Structures are given as C-alpha cells and as structure tokens.
Amino acid sequence: MEPNRPLIELERISKIYRMGEIVVPALLDVSLTITRGELVAVMGASGSGKSTLMNLVGCLDRPTKGRYLLAGQLVSNLDRNALAEIRNRFLGFVFQSFNLLPRATALENVQLPMLYAGLPASERLRRAKEALTRVALASRLDHKPNQLSGGQQQRVAIARAIVMKPKIILADEPTGNLDSKTSAEIMNLLQELSRAGITVVLVTHESNIAEYASRVIVLKDGRMLSDRPHTPGRTHVAAASQTEEAVR
C-alpha cells in the first residue's frame, strides 16, 4: 500500500436489493475516503443506509455498482472466501449486544478469532492477556459475561476485536446498551485506539457519541447528506458521571 493512500476508498458505490419486482435502493452513488487513524461517526435515520454502508466496508457484502479499495486492494469484486480472508486480516468488529459466548470466560472469548485463525495455544493466551490488559481488564480474565458489567462486557468485545491487530474497527452502536458514564469510558477507549493508528468507523444515532469523532458522515435515503471534519470534544468521565447522578 502506498504510504499516503487512504485506507478505505469507496468510488460511486451503490447497493440495490431486489425482491421479485420490487427494487430497494439502499445506497446510491456514495464516494468517500478514510485514512489511517481516523475516528469516523456515521449517522442517519433508520433506513438511511448506515448498516448497508458498514456491511460493505466490513466486506460482509458486495456493492451492486462502484468500486471499493481496502488498503489499495480492490475488494468489491471478490468472492465470499476471499472476503472472509480480508476480514480476518484487516477488520475487527464491535456490536451493540457484545456477542460474547455466555459460558466462556473473558480470556476464552478474546481467544476465539485466533482459534479460527489457527494460532498456537501459547500465542493465543499471550495475545488475549495483552488485549484485555490494554482495555483495563487484566483482573477479569476468568470472569464470564454474567459476572461483568455492560461496560466490561463491551471492553471484552473490543479486546476481541483488536487481538488480531486489525487496521480497522467497525463498531455498530457500541454504546447503545450502556449508560452515559460507561458510554464515555468506551468512547474514550475507542479514541485511544484511533490515536494509536487504528481506524475506527462507528454507526450511532446519538449526537453526543458522534462528538467523540474526528469526522461525521450523515446519510439520508441512501445518499451522503454531509461529510464534515469535527474536532472531538473533551468529554470527561467525571462530568458524565455527574450527569448520570442528576438524572437519578
């Protein structure tokens, strides 16, 4: 990949779903570039195309029209097996519902991507411990999800997302199930990862969460309504905690 080339390049991307004679345009002629280390928030009403855009960027789907280059490689025409390999190499995913195995410990949950990748047991253990330490859960290695708070579960999910050392983290409403104080903690963590050079793209409908981003993209009816740089606000956990107390 060329040093100054954008990590994500979408060139006039459209995604059309067909159900019999019904045609549903989910994305229409969207072009954008995202560089290394950006923290980008994607916003829009239900049906605006946010999820479709994330699926395309995450190599979970292919566009109907247009080109998608990831790290300089054309991926929009790859088959499912090739897309799966790209996901394993470049992408980490974080979801609103955490998606942790309920009977597995934090350490075991974080090891899953490495197990699928065939890494040896000693390497899996070392990297999982490092990832959990990075998200401030070194003392919770043996805890199962029901023994962890919502914020701690999301930290485990983030550790799982970064353990394969991805270039990009895609986060779908990562604070949707969390209170304001915990949301601030998770967003501060995503900011830290962005500053460390990992590109973070997140979908959110909450404007206060988008405040943490260095760039905000707004979609409407499958088209890009706006794409603007943003100076992240310094939202302190203490202030969020005070707000939470006031609500109570």
Protein backbone atom coordinates (compact mmCIF):
# COMPACT_ATOMS: atom_id res chain seq x y z
CA MET A 1 0.00 0.00 0.00
CA GLU A 2 1.27 3.49 -0.89
CA PRO A 3 2.22 5.47 2.26
CA ASN A 4 -0.18 8.38 1.68
CA ARG A 5 -3.02 6.38 0.14
CA PRO A 6 -6.36 6.29 2.03
CA LEU A 7 -7.09 3.05 3.86
CA ILE A 8 -10.72 2.94 2.70
CA GLU A 9 -11.75 4.16 -0.76
CA LEU A 10 -15.35 3.96 -1.95
CA GLU A 11 -15.88 5.11 -5.52
CA ARG A 12 -19.52 5.76 -6.52
CA ILE A 13 -20.84 2.81 -4.54
CA SER A 14 -24.47 1.74 -4.91
CA LYS A 15 -26.27 -1.20 -3.32
CA ILE A 16 -29.62 -2.26 -4.77
CA TYR A 17 -31.72 -5.03 -3.25
CA ARG A 18 -34.26 -6.80 -5.46
CA MET A 19 -37.22 -8.71 -4.04
CA GLY A 20 -39.12 -10.02 -7.02
CA GLU A 21 -40.25 -6.96 -8.94
CA ILE A 22 -39.56 -4.65 -6.01
CA VAL A 23 -36.31 -2.66 -6.18
CA VAL A 24 -34.94 -1.21 -2.93
CA PRO A 25 -32.00 1.22 -3.31
CA ALA A 26 -30.09 1.03 -0.01
CA LEU A 27 -27.07 3.13 -1.11
CA LEU A 28 -26.81 5.43 -4.10
CA ASP A 29 -23.60 6.77 -5.62
CA VAL A 30 -21.65 7.11 -2.36
CA SER A 31 -17.99 8.12 -2.59
CA LEU A 32 -15.67 8.63 0.37
CA THR A 33 -12.15 8.02 1.60
CA ILE A 34 -11.00 7.29 5.15
CA THR A 35 -7.37 7.46 6.24
CA ARG A 36 -5.39 5.61 8.88
CA GLY A 37 -6.24 6.56 12.46
CA GLU A 38 -9.46 8.45 11.75
CA LEU A 39 -12.42 8.03 14.09
CA VAL A 40 -15.46 8.41 11.85
CA ALA A 41 -19.08 8.50 13.01
CA VAL A 42 -21.80 7.52 10.54
CA MET A 43 -25.23 8.93 11.36
CA GLY A 44 -28.68 8.89 9.81
CA ALA A 45 -32.27 7.90 10.42
CA SER A 46 -33.47 4.30 10.20
CA GLY A 47 -33.32 3.25 6.55
CA SER A 48 -30.71 5.86 5.64
CA GLY A 49 -28.15 3.23 4.57
CA LYS A 50 -25.90 3.18 7.65
CA SER A 51 -25.98 -0.59 8.12
CA THR A 52 -25.55 -1.24 4.40
CA LEU A 53 -22.51 1.04 4.32
CA MET A 54 -20.98 -0.75 7.32
CA ASN A 55 -21.62 -4.15 5.74
CA LEU A 56 -19.87 -3.06 2.57
CA VAL A 57 -16.90 -1.51 4.37
CA GLY A 58 -16.70 -4.62 6.55
CA CYS A 59 -16.58 -6.92 3.50
CA LEU A 60 -19.78 -8.63 4.65
CA ASP A 61 -21.48 -7.72 1.36
CA ARG A 62 -20.56 -6.53 -2.11
CA PRO A 63 -21.80 -3.41 -3.90
CA THR A 64 -24.14 -3.58 -6.88
CA LYS A 65 -22.15 -0.80 -8.58
CA GLY A 66 -18.93 1.04 -7.90
CA ARG A 67 -15.50 0.13 -6.55
CA TYR A 68 -14.22 -0.48 -3.03
CA LEU A 69 -10.49 -0.45 -2.38
CA LEU A 70 -9.19 -1.50 1.03
CA ALA A 71 -5.53 -0.71 1.71
CA GLY A 72 -5.13 -0.22 -2.03
CA GLN A 73 -6.63 -3.61 -2.92
CA LEU A 74 -9.79 -3.84 -5.00
CA VAL A 75 -12.16 -5.93 -2.88
CA SER A 76 -15.57 -5.09 -4.34
CA ASN A 77 -15.46 -8.00 -6.79
CA LEU A 78 -14.02 -10.69 -4.50
CA ASP A 79 -15.89 -13.90 -3.73
CA ARG A 80 -17.04 -14.88 -0.22
CA ASN A 81 -13.92 -16.85 0.68
CA ALA A 82 -11.62 -14.03 -0.38
CA LEU A 83 -13.74 -11.51 1.54
CA ALA A 84 -13.53 -13.69 4.66
CA GLU A 85 -9.73 -13.67 4.38
CA ILE A 86 -9.74 -9.87 4.01
CA ARG A 87 -11.92 -9.55 7.14
CA ASN A 88 -9.52 -11.71 9.14
CA ARG A 89 -6.52 -9.65 8.03
CA PHE A 90 -7.85 -6.11 8.26
CA LEU A 91 -11.05 -5.84 10.31
CA GLY A 92 -12.31 -6.08 13.87
CA PHE A 93 -16.00 -5.83 14.76
CA VAL A 94 -17.77 -4.45 17.85
CA PHE A 95 -21.53 -4.79 18.27
CA GLN A 96 -24.22 -3.19 20.44
CA SER A 97 -25.13 -6.53 22.02
CA PHE A 98 -21.47 -7.52 22.72
CA ASN A 99 -21.92 -11.00 21.12
CA LEU A 100 -19.91 -12.82 23.79
CA LEU A 101 -20.19 -16.55 24.43
CA PRO A 102 -22.07 -16.74 27.77
CA ARG A 103 -20.29 -19.83 29.10
CA ALA A 104 -16.79 -18.69 28.13
CA THR A 105 -14.50 -16.51 30.24
CA ALA A 106 -13.22 -13.15 29.06
CA LEU A 107 -9.91 -14.79 28.19
CA GLU A 108 -11.64 -17.51 26.18
CA ASN A 109 -13.90 -15.07 24.35
CA VAL A 110 -10.94 -12.95 23.28
CA GLN A 111 -9.07 -16.02 22.02
CA LEU A 112 -11.83 -17.03 19.59
CA PRO A 113 -10.60 -15.13 16.49
CA MET A 114 -7.12 -16.57 16.97
CA LEU A 115 -8.55 -20.07 17.38
CA TYR A 116 -10.29 -19.74 14.00
CA ALA A 117 -7.05 -18.39 12.52
CA GLY A 118 -5.12 -21.43 13.74
CA LEU A 119 -2.67 -19.66 16.05
CA PRO A 120 -0.90 -21.90 18.61
CA ALA A 121 -2.28 -22.01 22.16
CA SER A 122 0.65 -20.18 23.75
CA GLU A 123 0.33 -17.31 21.25
CA ARG A 124 -3.43 -17.11 21.76
CA LEU A 125 -3.01 -16.90 25.53
CA ARG A 126 -0.30 -14.25 25.37
CA ARG A 127 -2.14 -12.01 22.92
CA ALA A 128 -5.50 -12.37 24.69
CA LYS A 129 -3.94 -11.30 28.00
CA GLU A 130 -2.27 -8.34 26.29
CA ALA A 131 -5.54 -7.25 24.68
CA LEU A 132 -7.50 -7.50 27.94
CA THR A 133 -4.78 -5.56 29.76
CA ARG A 134 -4.99 -2.88 27.07
CA VAL A 135 -8.70 -2.40 27.82
CA ALA A 136 -8.09 -2.36 31.61
CA LEU A 137 -9.47 -5.85 32.32
CA ALA A 138 -6.33 -7.66 33.46
CA SER A 139 -8.09 -8.52 36.74
CA ARG A 140 -11.16 -10.00 35.00
CA LEU A 141 -9.57 -12.68 32.80
CA ASP A 142 -11.53 -15.57 34.31
CA HIS A 143 -14.87 -13.80 34.60
CA LYS A 144 -17.80 -14.88 32.43
CA PRO A 145 -20.12 -12.31 30.82
CA ASN A 146 -22.78 -12.60 33.55
CA GLN A 147 -20.10 -11.68 36.09
CA LEU A 148 -19.23 -8.46 34.24
CA SER A 149 -20.99 -5.12 33.89
CA GLY A 150 -22.21 -3.95 30.49
CA GLY A 151 -19.20 -1.70 30.08
CA GLN A 152 -16.82 -4.51 31.00
CA GLN A 153 -18.52 -6.82 28.50
CA GLN A 154 -18.04 -4.21 25.79
CA ARG A 155 -14.38 -3.91 26.76
CA VAL A 156 -14.04 -7.68 26.32
CA ALA A 157 -15.66 -7.30 22.89
CA ILE A 158 -13.18 -4.54 22.00
CA ALA A 159 -10.28 -6.70 23.20
CA ARG A 160 -11.57 -9.49 20.95
CA ALA A 161 -11.78 -7.01 18.05
CA ILE A 162 -8.16 -5.83 18.44
CA VAL A 163 -6.48 -9.13 19.27
CA MET A 164 -5.79 -9.92 15.61
CA LYS A 165 -4.21 -6.46 15.23
CA PRO A 166 -6.68 -5.11 12.65
CA LYS A 167 -6.20 -1.90 10.72
CA ILE A 168 -9.90 -1.04 11.09
CA ILE A 169 -12.51 -1.43 13.83
CA LEU A 170 -16.14 -1.27 12.77
CA ALA A 171 -18.46 -0.52 15.69
CA ASP A 172 -22.24 -0.78 15.31
CA GLU A 173 -23.95 1.31 18.04
CA PRO A 174 -21.19 0.33 20.52
CA THR A 175 -22.76 2.33 23.36
CA GLY A 176 -26.40 1.53 22.61
CA ASN A 177 -26.85 -0.66 25.70
CA LEU A 178 -24.76 1.46 28.08
CA ASP A 179 -25.41 4.34 30.48
CA SER A 180 -23.85 7.74 29.84
CA LYS A 181 -20.84 7.28 32.17
CA THR A 182 -19.97 3.89 30.69
CA SER A 183 -20.56 5.19 27.16
CA ALA A 184 -18.00 7.93 27.83
CA GLU A 185 -15.48 5.33 29.01
CA ILE A 186 -15.98 3.18 25.90
CA MET A 187 -15.70 6.16 23.56
CA ASN A 188 -12.53 7.33 25.33
CA LEU A 189 -11.12 3.84 24.72
CA LEU A 190 -12.02 3.99 21.02
CA GLN A 191 -10.36 7.39 20.84
CA GLU A 192 -7.20 5.89 22.36
CA LEU A 193 -7.19 3.13 19.74
CA SER A 194 -7.64 5.74 17.00
CA ARG A 195 -4.71 7.76 18.32
CA ALA A 196 -2.67 4.54 18.24
CA GLY A 197 -3.29 4.31 14.50
CA ILE A 198 -6.33 2.02 14.27
CA THR A 199 -9.07 3.42 12.06
CA VAL A 200 -12.44 3.38 13.83
CA VAL A 201 -15.74 3.66 11.94
CA LEU A 202 -18.85 3.63 14.09
CA VAL A 203 -22.56 3.82 13.46
CA THR A 204 -24.52 5.84 16.00
CA HIS A 205 -27.81 7.70 16.23
CA GLU A 206 -26.63 9.64 19.29
CA SER A 207 -25.18 13.09 18.63
CA ASN A 208 -23.28 13.07 21.94
CA ILE A 209 -21.45 9.91 20.83
CA ALA A 210 -20.65 11.44 17.44
CA GLU A 211 -18.96 14.27 19.39
CA TYR A 212 -16.02 11.92 20.02
CA ALA A 213 -15.35 11.50 16.28
CA SER A 214 -12.82 13.37 14.17
CA ARG A 215 -15.30 13.28 11.29
CA VAL A 216 -19.06 12.89 10.96
CA ILE A 217 -20.83 11.44 7.92
CA VAL A 218 -24.60 11.79 7.63
CA LEU A 219 -26.66 9.60 5.30
CA LYS A 220 -30.23 10.15 4.14
CA ASP A 221 -32.23 7.85 1.85
CA GLY A 222 -29.10 6.03 0.75
CA ARG A 223 -27.18 9.16 -0.20
CA MET A 224 -24.47 11.08 1.58
CA LEU A 225 -26.07 14.21 3.00
CA SER A 226 -22.88 15.59 4.56
CA ASP A 227 -19.29 14.67 5.36
CA ARG A 228 -17.56 17.10 7.67
CA PRO A 229 -14.43 17.16 9.80
CA HIS A 230 -15.04 17.54 13.50
CA THR A 231 -12.91 18.50 16.49
CA PRO A 232 -13.69 15.93 19.19
CA GLY A 233 -14.96 17.43 22.42
CA ARG A 234 -13.17 16.63 25.64
CA THR A 235 -15.96 14.78 27.41
CA HIS A 236 -14.75 13.75 30.83
CA VAL A 237 -15.94 10.61 32.58
CA ALA A 238 -16.40 12.61 35.76
CA ALA A 239 -18.79 15.01 34.03
CA ALA A 240 -20.72 12.12 32.54
CA SER A 241 -20.96 10.57 35.99
CA GLN A 242 -22.38 13.81 37.41
CA THR A 243 -24.97 13.89 34.67
CA GLU A 244 -25.93 10.31 35.44
CA GLU A 245 -26.37 11.18 39.12
CA ALA A 246 -28.51 14.20 38.26
CA VAL A 247 -30.82 12.02 36.14
CA ARG A 248 -31.26 9.63 39.04
